[in-house]
Amino acid sequence: MDSSPVGVVVHVRTPDAGVLSAAILERGGIATPTTDGRLRITGIPVASVDATASAIGVEIHDLTTGRADLEDVFLELTRGKATIR
């Protein structure tokens, strides 16, 4: 898995959000639907999001990057490190 810089979020608009979300998850990223109809993706770089969509035949209408908020950064840094004691 290649990772994106901490604090970077990818925004994607696609008519196949469910299909792309599942593929992003398989590649170690997290895709969360937003209220404006986009997916907010963290954990993988924008080039991997684009390549993933292309590989599975998902149409992309908009693909941009931005800065994650503090909660996104915390979740990305601690993802997979929690243990139940």
PDB file of N, CA and C in Angstrom:
ATOM      1  N   MET A   1       0.851  -1.184   0.000  1.00  0.00           N
ATOM      2  CA  MET A   1       0.000   0.000   0.000  1.00  0.00           C
ATOM      3  C   MET A   1       0.888   1.235   0.000  1.00  0.00           C
ATOM      4  N   ASP A   2       0.636   2.136  -0.896  1.00  0.00           N
ATOM      5  CA  ASP A   2       1.334   3.411  -0.850  1.00  0.00           C
ATOM      6  C   ASP A   2       0.463   4.361  -0.054  1.00  0.00           C
ATOM      7  N   SER A   3       1.071   5.226   0.698  1.00  0.00           N
ATOM      8  CA  SER A   3       0.264   6.088   1.547  1.00  0.00           C
ATOM      9  C   SER A   3       0.390   7.534   1.112  1.00  0.00           C
ATOM     10  N   SER A   4      -0.679   8.265   1.361  1.00  0.00           N
ATOM     11  CA  SER A   4      -0.670   9.689   1.050  1.00  0.00           C
ATOM     12  C   SER A   4      -0.057  10.425   2.224  1.00  0.00           C
ATOM     13  N   PRO A   5       0.419  11.639   1.990  1.00  0.00           N
ATOM     14  CA  PRO A   5       0.927  12.426   3.100  1.00  0.00           C
ATOM     15  C   PRO A   5      -0.178  12.642   4.135  1.00  0.00           C
ATOM     16  N   VAL A   6       0.199  12.605   5.399  1.00  0.00           N
ATOM     17  CA  VAL A   6      -0.778  12.817   6.462  1.00  0.00           C
ATOM     18  C   VAL A   6      -1.403  14.189   6.276  1.00  0.00           C
ATOM     19  N   GLY A   7      -2.714  14.241   6.392  1.00  0.00           N
ATOM     20  CA  GLY A   7      -3.415  15.507   6.270  1.00  0.00           C
ATOM     21  C   GLY A   7      -3.952  15.780   4.885  1.00  0.00           C
ATOM     22  N   VAL A   8      -3.704  14.873   3.933  1.00  0.00           N
ATOM     23  CA  VAL A   8      -4.217  15.067   2.577  1.00  0.00           C
ATOM     24  C   VAL A   8      -5.482  14.237   2.416  1.00  0.00           C
ATOM     25  N   VAL A   9      -6.485  14.843   1.852  1.00  0.00           N
ATOM     26  CA  VAL A   9      -7.743  14.160   1.581  1.00  0.00           C
ATOM     27  C   VAL A   9      -8.057  14.327   0.098  1.00  0.00           C
ATOM     28  N   VAL A  10      -8.614  13.271  -0.497  1.00  0.00           N
ATOM     29  CA  VAL A  10      -8.992  13.289  -1.908  1.00  0.00           C
ATOM     30  C   VAL A  10     -10.517  13.340  -1.972  1.00  0.00           C
ATOM     31  N   HIS A  11     -11.036  14.233  -2.797  1.00  0.00           N
ATOM     32  CA  HIS A  11     -12.484  14.349  -2.999  1.00  0.00           C
ATOM     33  C   HIS A  11     -12.809  13.854  -4.403  1.00  0.00           C
ATOM     34  N   VAL A  12     -13.795  12.964  -4.501  1.00  0.00           N
ATOM     35  CA  VAL A  12     -14.160  12.361  -5.785  1.00  0.00           C
ATOM     36  C   VAL A  12     -15.669  12.453  -5.974  1.00  0.00           C
ATOM     37  N   ARG A  13     -16.066  12.832  -7.168  1.00  0.00           N
ATOM     38  CA  ARG A  13     -17.478  12.776  -7.546  1.00  0.00           C
ATOM     39  C   ARG A  13     -17.597  11.714  -8.641  1.00  0.00           C
ATOM     40  N   THR A  14     -18.448  10.712  -8.400  1.00  0.00           N
ATOM     41  CA  THR A  14     -18.630   9.600  -9.323  1.00  0.00           C
ATOM     42  C   THR A  14     -20.049   9.056  -9.202  1.00  0.00           C
ATOM     43  N   PRO A  15     -20.617   8.556 -10.300  1.00  0.00           N
ATOM     44  CA  PRO A  15     -21.929   7.928 -10.196  1.00  0.00           C
ATOM     45  C   PRO A  15     -21.864   6.519  -9.591  1.00  0.00           C
ATOM     46  N   ASP A  16     -20.656   5.986  -9.423  1.00  0.00           N
ATOM     47  CA  ASP A  16     -20.461   4.636  -8.890  1.00  0.00           C
ATOM     48  C   ASP A  16     -19.737   4.663  -7.545  1.00  0.00           C
ATOM     49  N   ALA A  17     -20.243   5.461  -6.625  1.00  0.00           N
ATOM     50  CA  ALA A  17     -19.576   5.663  -5.339  1.00  0.00           C
ATOM     51  C   ALA A  17     -19.404   4.367  -4.550  1.00  0.00           C
ATOM     52  N   GLY A  18     -20.395   3.516  -4.546  1.00  0.00           N
ATOM     53  CA  GLY A  18     -20.306   2.257  -3.793  1.00  0.00           C
ATOM     54  C   GLY A  18     -19.219   1.342  -4.315  1.00  0.00           C
ATOM     55  N   VAL A  19     -19.124   1.237  -5.615  1.00  0.00           N
ATOM     56  CA  VAL A  19     -18.111   0.387  -6.245  1.00  0.00           C
ATOM     57  C   VAL A  19     -16.714   0.936  -5.955  1.00  0.00           C
ATOM     58  N   LEU A  20     -16.541   2.252  -6.120  1.00  0.00           N
ATOM     59  CA  LEU A  20     -15.240   2.860  -5.860  1.00  0.00           C
ATOM     60  C   LEU A  20     -14.882   2.771  -4.380  1.00  0.00           C
ATOM     61  N   SER A  21     -15.833   2.971  -3.491  1.00  0.00           N
ATOM     62  CA  SER A  21     -15.583   2.870  -2.048  1.00  0.00           C
ATOM     63  C   SER A  21     -15.038   1.494  -1.683  1.00  0.00           C
ATOM     64  N   ALA A  22     -15.648   0.449  -2.223  1.00  0.00           N
ATOM     65  CA  ALA A  22     -15.198  -0.916  -1.931  1.00  0.00           C
ATOM     66  C   ALA A  22     -13.775  -1.145  -2.436  1.00  0.00           C
ATOM     67  N   ALA A  23     -13.469  -0.648  -3.616  1.00  0.00           N
ATOM     68  CA  ALA A  23     -12.124  -0.819  -4.185  1.00  0.00           C
ATOM     69  C   ALA A  23     -11.083  -0.036  -3.391  1.00  0.00           C
ATOM     70  N   ILE A  24     -11.445   1.156  -2.933  1.00  0.00           N
ATOM     71  CA  ILE A  24     -10.537   1.970  -2.120  1.00  0.00           C
ATOM     72  C   ILE A  24     -10.244   1.252  -0.805  1.00  0.00           C
ATOM     73  N   LEU A  25     -11.262   0.680  -0.190  1.00  0.00           N
ATOM     74  CA  LEU A  25     -11.094  -0.059   1.062  1.00  0.00           C
ATOM     75  C   LEU A  25     -10.145  -1.242   0.874  1.00  0.00           C
ATOM     76  N   GLU A  26     -10.286  -1.965  -0.236  1.00  0.00           N
ATOM     77  CA  GLU A  26      -9.409  -3.099  -0.534  1.00  0.00           C
ATOM     78  C   GLU A  26      -7.949  -2.668  -0.657  1.00  0.00           C
ATOM     79  N   ARG A  27      -7.718  -1.427  -1.023  1.00  0.00           N
ATOM     80  CA  ARG A  27      -6.362  -0.912  -1.211  1.00  0.00           C
ATOM     81  C   ARG A  27      -5.833  -0.175   0.025  1.00  0.00           C
ATOM     82  N   GLY A  28      -6.587  -0.240   1.109  1.00  0.00           N
ATOM     83  CA  GLY A  28      -6.119   0.330   2.364  1.00  0.00           C
ATOM     84  C   GLY A  28      -6.563   1.742   2.641  1.00  0.00           C
ATOM     85  N   GLY A  29      -7.401   2.308   1.794  1.00  0.00           N
ATOM     86  CA  GLY A  29      -7.901   3.657   2.014  1.00  0.00           C
ATOM     87  C   GLY A  29      -9.255   3.637   2.699  1.00  0.00           C
ATOM     88  N   ILE A  30      -9.723   4.812   3.033  1.00  0.00           N
ATOM     89  CA  ILE A  30     -11.050   4.972   3.637  1.00  0.00           C
ATOM     90  C   ILE A  30     -11.832   5.944   2.772  1.00  0.00           C
ATOM     91  N   ALA A  31     -13.015   5.542   2.333  1.00  0.00           N
ATOM     92  CA  ALA A  31     -13.883   6.398   1.521  1.00  0.00           C
ATOM     93  C   ALA A  31     -15.171   6.653   2.294  1.00  0.00           C
ATOM     94  N   THR A  32     -15.457   7.921   2.523  1.00  0.00           N
ATOM     95  CA  THR A  32     -16.638   8.315   3.280  1.00  0.00           C
ATOM     96  C   THR A  32     -17.510   9.210   2.416  1.00  0.00           C
ATOM     97  N   PRO A  33     -18.794   8.876   2.253  1.00  0.00           N
ATOM     98  CA  PRO A  33     -19.686   9.758   1.490  1.00  0.00           C
ATOM     99  C   PRO A  33     -19.874  11.092   2.216  1.00  0.00           C
ATOM    100  N   THR A  34     -19.975  12.167   1.450  1.00  0.00           N
ATOM    101  CA  THR A  34     -20.211  13.490   2.027  1.00  0.00           C
ATOM    102  C   THR A  34     -21.621  13.940   1.691  1.00  0.00           C
ATOM    103  N   THR A  35     -22.071  14.976   2.348  1.00  0.00           N
ATOM    104  CA  THR A  35     -23.433  15.459   2.128  1.00  0.00           C
ATOM    105  C   THR A  35     -23.620  16.096   0.755  1.00  0.00           C
ATOM    106  N   ASP A  36     -22.521  16.470   0.100  1.00  0.00           N
ATOM    107  CA  ASP A  36     -22.652  17.083  -1.226  1.00  0.00           C
ATOM    108  C   ASP A  36     -22.502  16.066  -2.365  1.00  0.00           C
ATOM    109  N   GLY A  37     -22.552  14.765  -2.036  1.00  0.00           N
ATOM    110  CA  GLY A  37     -22.543  13.735  -3.064  1.00  0.00           C
ATOM    111  C   GLY A  37     -21.164  13.258  -3.499  1.00  0.00           C
ATOM    112  N   ARG A  38     -20.127  13.723  -2.830  1.00  0.00           N
ATOM    113  CA  ARG A  38     -18.781  13.269  -3.172  1.00  0.00           C
ATOM    114  C   ARG A  38     -18.328  12.183  -2.198  1.00  0.00           C
ATOM    115  N   LEU A  39     -17.194  11.561  -2.520  1.00  0.00           N
ATOM    116  CA  LEU A  39     -16.513  10.682  -1.586  1.00  0.00           C
ATOM    117  C   LEU A  39     -15.314  11.435  -1.038  1.00  0.00           C
ATOM    118  N   ARG A  40     -15.080  11.305   0.238  1.00  0.00           N
ATOM    119  CA  ARG A  40     -13.905  11.885   0.899  1.00  0.00           C
ATOM    120  C   ARG A  40     -12.983  10.708   1.199  1.00  0.00           C
ATOM    121  N   ILE A  41     -11.806  10.688   0.571  1.00  0.00           N
ATOM    122  CA  ILE A  41     -10.911   9.538   0.649  1.00  0.00           C
ATOM    123  C   ILE A  41      -9.619   9.926   1.357  1.00  0.00           C
ATOM    124  N   THR A  42      -9.234   9.095   2.326  1.00  0.00           N
ATOM    125  CA  THR A  42      -7.961   9.269   3.013  1.00  0.00           C
ATOM    126  C   THR A  42      -7.223   7.938   3.006  1.00  0.00           C
ATOM    127  N   GLY A  43      -5.910   8.014   3.195  1.00  0.00           N
ATOM    128  CA  GLY A  43      -5.117   6.797   3.318  1.00  0.00           C
ATOM    129  C   GLY A  43      -4.393   6.363   2.061  1.00  0.00           C
ATOM    130  N   ILE A  44      -4.784   6.877   0.908  1.00  0.00           N
ATOM    131  CA  ILE A  44      -4.057   6.589  -0.330  1.00  0.00           C
ATOM    132  C   ILE A  44      -3.965   7.879  -1.152  1.00  0.00           C
ATOM    133  N   PRO A  45      -2.903   8.003  -1.945  1.00  0.00           N
ATOM    134  CA  PRO A  45      -2.714   9.241  -2.705  1.00  0.00           C
ATOM    135  C   PRO A  45      -3.671   9.376  -3.882  1.00  0.00           C
ATOM    136  N   VAL A  46      -3.815  10.589  -4.356  1.00  0.00           N
ATOM    137  CA  VAL A  46      -4.737  10.887  -5.452  1.00  0.00           C
ATOM    138  C   VAL A  46      -4.429  10.050  -6.696  1.00  0.00           C
ATOM    139  N   ALA A  47      -3.166   9.818  -6.991  1.00  0.00           N
ATOM    140  CA  ALA A  47      -2.817   9.013  -8.174  1.00  0.00           C
ATOM    141  C   ALA A  47      -3.355   7.588  -8.042  1.00  0.00           C
ATOM    142  N   SER A  48      -3.340   7.036  -6.827  1.00  0.00           N
ATOM    143  CA  SER A  48      -3.872   5.693  -6.607  1.00  0.00           C
ATOM    144  C   SER A  48      -5.391   5.660  -6.713  1.00  0.00           C
ATOM    145  N   VAL A  49      -6.037   6.725  -6.269  1.00  0.00           N
ATOM    146  CA  VAL A  49      -7.496   6.810  -6.404  1.00  0.00           C
ATOM    147  C   VAL A  49      -7.863   6.809  -7.886  1.00  0.00           C
ATOM    148  N   ASP A  50      -7.177   7.628  -8.665  1.00  0.00           N
ATOM    149  CA  ASP A  50      -7.424   7.710 -10.108  1.00  0.00           C
ATOM    150  C   ASP A  50      -7.143   6.374 -10.789  1.00  0.00           C
ATOM    151  N   ALA A  51      -6.024   5.746 -10.453  1.00  0.00           N
ATOM    152  CA  ALA A  51      -5.661   4.464 -11.058  1.00  0.00           C
ATOM    153  C   ALA A  51      -6.662   3.374 -10.681  1.00  0.00           C
ATOM    154  N   THR A  52      -7.122   3.395  -9.446  1.00  0.00           N
ATOM    155  CA  THR A  52      -8.107   2.418  -8.997  1.00  0.00           C
ATOM    156  C   THR A  52      -9.409   2.559  -9.780  1.00  0.00           C
ATOM    157  N   ALA A  53      -9.889   3.784  -9.897  1.00  0.00           N
ATOM    158  CA  ALA A  53     -11.122   4.032 -10.650  1.00  0.00           C
ATOM    159  C   ALA A  53     -10.974   3.566 -12.088  1.00  0.00           C
ATOM    160  N   SER A  54      -9.856   3.868 -12.691  1.00  0.00           N
ATOM    161  CA  SER A  54      -9.605   3.474 -14.078  1.00  0.00           C
ATOM    162  C   SER A  54      -9.565   1.947 -14.214  1.00  0.00           C
ATOM    163  N   ALA A  55      -8.887   1.283 -13.284  1.00  0.00           N
ATOM    164  CA  ALA A  55      -8.736  -0.171 -13.349  1.00  0.00           C
ATOM    165  C   ALA A  55     -10.061  -0.911 -13.233  1.00  0.00           C
ATOM    166  N   ILE A  56     -10.995  -0.357 -12.462  1.00  0.00           N
ATOM    167  CA  ILE A  56     -12.286  -1.036 -12.279  1.00  0.00           C
ATOM    168  C   ILE A  56     -13.382  -0.457 -13.170  1.00  0.00           C
ATOM    169  N   GLY A  57     -13.024   0.511 -14.008  1.00  0.00           N
ATOM    170  CA  GLY A  57     -13.985   1.073 -14.960  1.00  0.00           C
ATOM    171  C   GLY A  57     -14.991   2.033 -14.364  1.00  0.00           C
ATOM    172  N   VAL A  58     -14.625   2.708 -13.278  1.00  0.00           N
ATOM    173  CA  VAL A  58     -15.523   3.669 -12.639  1.00  0.00           C
ATOM    174  C   VAL A  58     -15.267   5.055 -13.229  1.00  0.00           C
ATOM    175  N   GLU A  59     -16.330   5.699 -13.655  1.00  0.00           N
ATOM    176  CA  GLU A  59     -16.259   7.042 -14.226  1.00  0.00           C
ATOM    177  C   GLU A  59     -16.067   8.081 -13.122  1.00  0.00           C
ATOM    178  N   ILE A  60     -15.130   8.995 -13.335  1.00  0.00           N
ATOM    179  CA  ILE A  60     -14.857  10.073 -12.386  1.00  0.00           C
ATOM    180  C   ILE A  60     -15.315  11.391 -13.001  1.00  0.00           C
ATOM    181  N   HIS A  61     -16.125  12.148 -12.272  1.00  0.00           N
ATOM    182  CA  HIS A  61     -16.584  13.451 -12.746  1.00  0.00           C
ATOM    183  C   HIS A  61     -15.772  14.594 -12.160  1.00  0.00           C
ATOM    184  N   ASP A  62     -15.176  14.376 -10.989  1.00  0.00           N
ATOM    185  CA  ASP A  62     -14.386  15.408 -10.329  1.00  0.00           C
ATOM    186  C   ASP A  62     -13.413  14.716  -9.384  1.00  0.00           C
ATOM    187  N   LEU A  63     -12.151  15.154  -9.384  1.00  0.00           N
ATOM    188  CA  LEU A  63     -11.123  14.568  -8.534  1.00  0.00           C
ATOM    189  C   LEU A  63     -10.207  15.689  -8.063  1.00  0.00           C
ATOM    190  N   THR A  64     -10.254  15.987  -6.761  1.00  0.00           N
ATOM    191  CA  THR A  64      -9.447  17.077  -6.213  1.00  0.00           C
ATOM    192  C   THR A  64      -8.813  16.637  -4.891  1.00  0.00           C
ATOM    193  N   THR A  65      -7.821  17.384  -4.469  1.00  0.00           N
ATOM    194  CA  THR A  65      -7.210  17.134  -3.163  1.00  0.00           C
ATOM    195  C   THR A  65      -7.391  18.353  -2.281  1.00  0.00           C
ATOM    196  N   GLY A  66      -7.301  18.129  -1.006  1.00  0.00           N
ATOM    197  CA  GLY A  66      -7.410  19.210  -0.040  1.00  0.00           C
ATOM    198  C   GLY A  66      -6.740  18.796   1.248  1.00  0.00           C
ATOM    199  N   ARG A  67      -6.880  19.630   2.233  1.00  0.00           N
ATOM    200  CA  ARG A  67      -6.306  19.355   3.550  1.00  0.00           C
ATOM    201  C   ARG A  67      -7.374  18.728   4.440  1.00  0.00           C
ATOM    202  N   ALA A  68      -6.975  17.722   5.172  1.00  0.00           N
ATOM    203  CA  ALA A  68      -7.881  17.072   6.113  1.00  0.00           C
ATOM    204  C   ALA A  68      -7.985  17.908   7.383  1.00  0.00           C
ATOM    205  N   ASP A  69      -9.096  17.742   8.093  1.00  0.00           N
ATOM    206  CA  ASP A  69      -9.215  18.421   9.376  1.00  0.00           C
ATOM    207  C   ASP A  69      -8.522  17.587  10.454  1.00  0.00           C
ATOM    208  N   LEU A  70      -8.440  18.103  11.637  1.00  0.00           N
ATOM    209  CA  LEU A  70      -7.711  17.459  12.720  1.00  0.00           C
ATOM    210  C   LEU A  70      -8.228  16.050  13.008  1.00  0.00           C
ATOM    211  N   GLU A  71      -9.529  15.861  12.967  1.00  0.00           N
ATOM    212  CA  GLU A  71     -10.094  14.532  13.220  1.00  0.00           C
ATOM    213  C   GLU A  71      -9.632  13.539  12.169  1.00  0.00           C
ATOM    214  N   ASP A  72      -9.622  13.935  10.888  1.00  0.00           N
ATOM    215  CA  ASP A  72      -9.152  13.053   9.818  1.00  0.00           C
ATOM    216  C   ASP A  72      -7.696  12.652  10.039  1.00  0.00           C
ATOM    217  N   VAL A  73      -6.874  13.610  10.409  1.00  0.00           N
ATOM    218  CA  VAL A  73      -5.453  13.334  10.640  1.00  0.00           C
ATOM    219  C   VAL A  73      -5.290  12.341  11.789  1.00  0.00           C
ATOM    220  N   PHE A  74      -6.003  12.558  12.885  1.00  0.00           N
ATOM    221  CA  PHE A  74      -5.928  11.653  14.032  1.00  0.00           C
ATOM    222  C   PHE A  74      -6.345  10.239  13.635  1.00  0.00           C
ATOM    223  N   LEU A  75      -7.465  10.110  12.945  1.00  0.00           N
ATOM    224  CA  LEU A  75      -7.946   8.784  12.544  1.00  0.00           C
ATOM    225  C   LEU A  75      -6.971   8.098  11.606  1.00  0.00           C
ATOM    226  N   GLU A  76      -6.370   8.847  10.686  1.00  0.00           N
ATOM    227  CA  GLU A  76      -5.405   8.259   9.764  1.00  0.00           C
ATOM    228  C   GLU A  76      -4.152   7.792  10.502  1.00  0.00           C
ATOM    229  N   LEU A  77      -3.679   8.584  11.446  1.00  0.00           N
ATOM    230  CA  LEU A  77      -2.472   8.232  12.191  1.00  0.00           C
ATOM    231  C   LEU A  77      -2.685   7.034  13.112  1.00  0.00           C
ATOM    232  N   THR A  78      -3.888   6.862  13.640  1.00  0.00           N
ATOM    233  CA  THR A  78      -4.149   5.803  14.595  1.00  0.00           C
ATOM    234  C   THR A  78      -4.860   4.600  13.981  1.00  0.00           C
ATOM    235  N   ARG A  79      -5.186   4.649  12.717  1.00  0.00           N
ATOM    236  CA  ARG A  79      -5.912   3.541  12.059  1.00  0.00           C
ATOM    237  C   ARG A  79      -5.114   2.254  12.177  1.00  0.00           C
ATOM    238  N   GLY A  80      -5.782   1.213  12.634  1.00  0.00           N
ATOM    239  CA  GLY A  80      -5.169  -0.104  12.729  1.00  0.00           C
ATOM    240  C   GLY A  80      -4.240  -0.290  13.918  1.00  0.00           C
ATOM    241  N   LYS A  81      -4.116   0.702  14.770  1.00  0.00           N
ATOM    242  CA  LYS A  81      -3.199   0.603  15.906  1.00  0.00           C
ATOM    243  C   LYS A  81      -3.914   0.371  17.231  1.00  0.00           C
ATOM    244  N   ALA A  82      -5.225   0.386  17.205  1.00  0.00           N
ATOM    245  CA  ALA A  82      -5.979   0.202  18.456  1.00  0.00           C
ATOM    246  C   ALA A  82      -6.025  -1.265  18.820  1.00  0.00           C
ATOM    247  N   THR A  83      -5.908  -1.538  20.095  1.00  0.00           N
ATOM    248  CA  THR A  83      -6.057  -2.894  20.595  1.00  0.00           C
ATOM    249  C   THR A  83      -6.983  -2.868  21.789  1.00  0.00           C
ATOM    250  N   ILE A  84      -7.754  -3.903  21.933  1.00  0.00           N
ATOM    251  CA  ILE A  84      -8.656  -4.017  23.072  1.00  0.00           C
ATOM    252  C   ILE A  84      -7.923  -4.782  24.164  1.00  0.00           C
ATOM    253  N   ARG A  85      -7.919  -4.241  25.340  1.00  0.00           N
ATOM    254  CA  ARG A  85      -7.221  -4.891  26.459  1.00  0.00           C
ATOM    255  C   ARG A  85      -8.196  -5.344  27.493  1.00  0.00           C
TER     256      ARG A  85
END
